[in-house]
Protein backbone atom coordinates (compact mmCIF):
# COMPACT_ATOMS: atom_id res chain seq x y z
CA MET A 1 -82.29 112.73 -2.32
CA ARG A 2 -85.00 110.78 -4.06
CA PRO A 3 -84.26 107.39 -5.67
CA ALA A 4 -84.54 107.37 -9.42
CA ARG A 5 -87.66 105.70 -10.78
CA LEU A 6 -87.88 103.96 -14.09
CA PRO A 7 -90.79 105.37 -15.91
CA ILE A 8 -92.79 102.57 -17.56
CA SER A 9 -94.99 103.83 -20.28
CA PRO A 10 -98.33 102.16 -21.01
CA GLY A 11 -96.90 100.80 -24.29
CA THR A 12 -94.00 99.12 -22.46
CA ALA A 13 -96.38 97.58 -19.91
CA ILE A 14 -98.58 96.14 -22.69
CA ALA A 15 -95.49 94.79 -24.50
CA LEU A 16 -94.26 93.07 -21.30
CA ILE A 17 -97.68 91.50 -20.71
CA ALA A 18 -97.82 90.28 -24.33
CA LEU A 19 -94.32 88.81 -23.99
CA PHE A 20 -95.34 87.02 -20.79
CA PHE A 21 -98.38 85.43 -22.47
CA ALA A 22 -96.44 84.52 -25.61
CA LEU A 23 -93.73 82.68 -23.69
CA GLY A 24 -96.24 81.02 -21.37
CA GLY A 25 -98.37 79.86 -24.30
CA SER A 26 -95.37 78.30 -26.07
CA ALA A 27 -94.32 76.43 -22.94
CA PHE A 28 -97.89 75.21 -22.46
CA ALA A 29 -98.12 74.03 -26.09
CA VAL A 30 -94.79 72.17 -25.86
CA GLY A 31 -95.89 70.50 -22.63
CA GLU A 32 -99.17 69.40 -24.21
CA ARG A 33 -97.34 68.02 -27.27
CA VAL A 34 -94.93 65.94 -25.15
CA GLN A 35 -97.80 64.51 -23.12
CA SER A 36 -99.78 63.60 -26.24
CA LEU A 37 -96.75 61.84 -27.76
CA ALA A 38 -96.15 59.86 -24.57
CA ALA A 39 -99.77 58.75 -24.40
CA ALA A 40 -99.98 57.93 -28.12
CA GLN A 41 -97.89 54.73 -27.96
CA GLN A 42 -99.36 52.07 -25.76
CA ARG A 43 -97.10 49.54 -24.14
CA CYS A 44 -98.09 46.52 -26.31
CA ALA A 45 -99.37 48.38 -29.38
CA ASN A 46 -98.82 47.04 -32.91
CA GLY A 47 -95.51 48.26 -34.29
CA SER A 48 -93.92 48.80 -30.90
CA VAL A 49 -91.20 46.69 -29.31
CA ARG A 50 -93.14 44.14 -27.30
CA GLY A 51 -90.26 42.24 -25.77
CA VAL A 52 -86.49 41.90 -25.50
CA ALA A 53 -84.45 39.06 -24.07
CA THR A 54 -80.69 38.59 -23.93
CA VAL A 55 -79.99 34.94 -23.14
CA THR A 56 -76.48 34.29 -21.83
CA GLY A 57 -76.99 31.22 -19.65
CA ASN A 58 -75.83 30.77 -16.11
CA PRO A 59 -72.35 32.39 -15.82
CA ALA A 60 -71.15 29.48 -13.65
CA GLN A 61 -72.36 26.76 -16.06
CA GLY A 62 -72.59 28.31 -19.54
CA ILE A 63 -75.40 28.50 -22.05
CA ALA A 64 -75.04 24.84 -23.09
CA ASN A 65 -76.46 23.84 -19.70
CA LEU A 66 -79.88 25.40 -20.22
CA PRO A 67 -82.58 22.85 -19.37
CA ASP A 68 -84.74 21.16 -22.00
CA GLN A 69 -87.88 22.35 -20.17
CA PHE A 70 -89.03 25.98 -20.27
CA THR A 71 -87.62 28.05 -17.40
CA SER A 72 -87.67 31.72 -16.48
CA THR A 73 -84.74 31.60 -14.03
CA PRO A 74 -83.39 35.19 -13.91
CA VAL A 75 -79.69 34.19 -13.92
CA LEU A 76 -80.07 32.85 -17.50
CA PHE A 77 -80.84 36.34 -18.85
CA ALA A 78 -78.68 39.44 -19.07
CA ARG A 79 -81.80 41.49 -19.97
CA ARG A 80 -85.53 40.79 -20.00
CA PHE A 81 -88.55 42.83 -21.03
CA ASN A 82 -92.06 41.62 -21.81
CA CYS A 83 -94.62 44.36 -22.41
CA THR A 84 -97.30 42.25 -20.70
CA GLY A 85 -95.27 42.16 -17.49
CA LYS A 86 -95.33 38.35 -17.53
CA ALA A 87 -92.44 35.89 -17.66
CA ILE A 88 -90.00 35.15 -20.45
CA GLN A 89 -89.12 31.48 -20.68
CA VAL A 90 -86.30 29.75 -22.54
CA ARG A 91 -85.19 26.18 -23.17
CA ARG A 92 -82.46 24.41 -25.15
CA THR A 93 -83.78 21.75 -27.52
CA GLU A 94 -80.46 20.66 -29.06
CA ILE A 95 -76.98 22.04 -29.77
CA GLY A 96 -77.41 25.64 -30.89
CA VAL A 97 -81.21 25.49 -30.98
CA TYR A 98 -83.34 27.27 -28.38
CA GLU A 99 -87.00 28.11 -27.94
CA ILE A 100 -88.05 31.30 -26.22
CA ARG A 101 -91.56 32.15 -25.08
CA PHE A 102 -92.90 35.57 -24.06
CA VAL A 103 -95.82 34.56 -21.83
CA GLY A 104 -99.10 36.34 -22.62
CA ASN A 105 -97.55 38.19 -25.56
CA SER A 106 -99.05 37.74 -29.03
CA ALA A 107 -96.16 39.32 -30.96
CA PRO A 108 -96.03 37.75 -34.44
CA SER A 109 -92.37 38.29 -35.33
CA ALA A 110 -88.89 38.31 -33.83
CA ILE A 111 -85.43 39.50 -34.74
CA ALA A 112 -82.55 37.42 -33.39
CA SER A 113 -78.91 38.40 -33.11
CA GLY A 114 -75.93 36.45 -31.87
CA ILE A 115 -73.55 37.95 -29.35
CA GLY A 116 -69.78 37.96 -29.82
CA LEU A 117 -68.63 35.32 -32.30
CA PHE A 118 -72.14 34.01 -32.91
CA SER A 119 -74.93 34.74 -35.35
CA ALA A 120 -78.59 33.85 -34.81
CA THR A 121 -81.80 33.45 -36.78
CA SER A 122 -85.38 33.25 -35.59
CA GLU A 123 -88.41 31.24 -36.64
CA THR A 124 -91.96 31.91 -35.44
CA LEU A 125 -93.64 28.87 -33.87
CA GLY A 126 -96.73 30.70 -32.62
CA PRO A 127 -97.79 33.98 -31.02
CA GLY A 128 -94.98 34.93 -28.64
CA LEU A 129 -93.10 31.63 -29.21
CA PHE A 130 -89.91 31.52 -31.30
CA ARG A 131 -87.14 29.07 -32.23
CA ILE A 132 -83.64 30.54 -32.28
CA ARG A 133 -80.75 28.90 -34.13
CA VAL A 134 -77.25 30.01 -33.15
CA GLN A 135 -74.09 29.45 -35.22
CA ASN A 136 -70.41 30.30 -34.96
CA VAL A 137 -69.58 33.11 -37.36
CA GLY A 138 -67.84 31.63 -40.41
CA ARG A 139 -69.01 28.06 -39.76
CA ALA A 140 -72.08 26.28 -41.05
CA ASP A 141 -72.77 24.15 -37.97
CA GLU A 142 -74.96 25.18 -35.06
CA ALA A 143 -73.23 25.96 -31.78
CA ASP A 144 -74.24 26.99 -28.30
CA GLY A 145 -73.78 30.71 -27.81
CA PRO A 146 -75.47 33.76 -26.30
CA PHE A 147 -78.14 35.58 -28.27
CA MET A 148 -80.60 38.45 -28.13
CA VAL A 149 -84.22 38.43 -29.31
CA THR A 150 -86.41 41.48 -29.98
CA ILE A 151 -90.10 40.90 -30.69
CA VAL A 152 -92.46 43.29 -32.44
């Protein structure tokens, strides 16, 4: 007994080849689009997030014990990102007032946010250098508390 063969007509063969090219072309186009989007935004381009720092202080000592000289000690940060790959430095100037510097980063503006029961505001001191003021929520006086800074 002979096995049954599926007869493929020339029209079916052409349709299968066209389907193959159509699906392959769509996948190729999607792949090209994703690559062009990824390459379009440079790491430190204008309008992109150039840096993020979450300053919590040393867990054993608290945020009030930050030094008055700039330091980049990793234990003082919960998160750090500087698009230049250089250090992020922080110092405490007085109760509730901190300065944070993103070394080598010329970002002109920052957004500050307090963490937990704190609120924070930012002031630009120079390219990549910002003063952060932290307050207890519901109180007018400045207080030491953790904060997060995003620079653009």
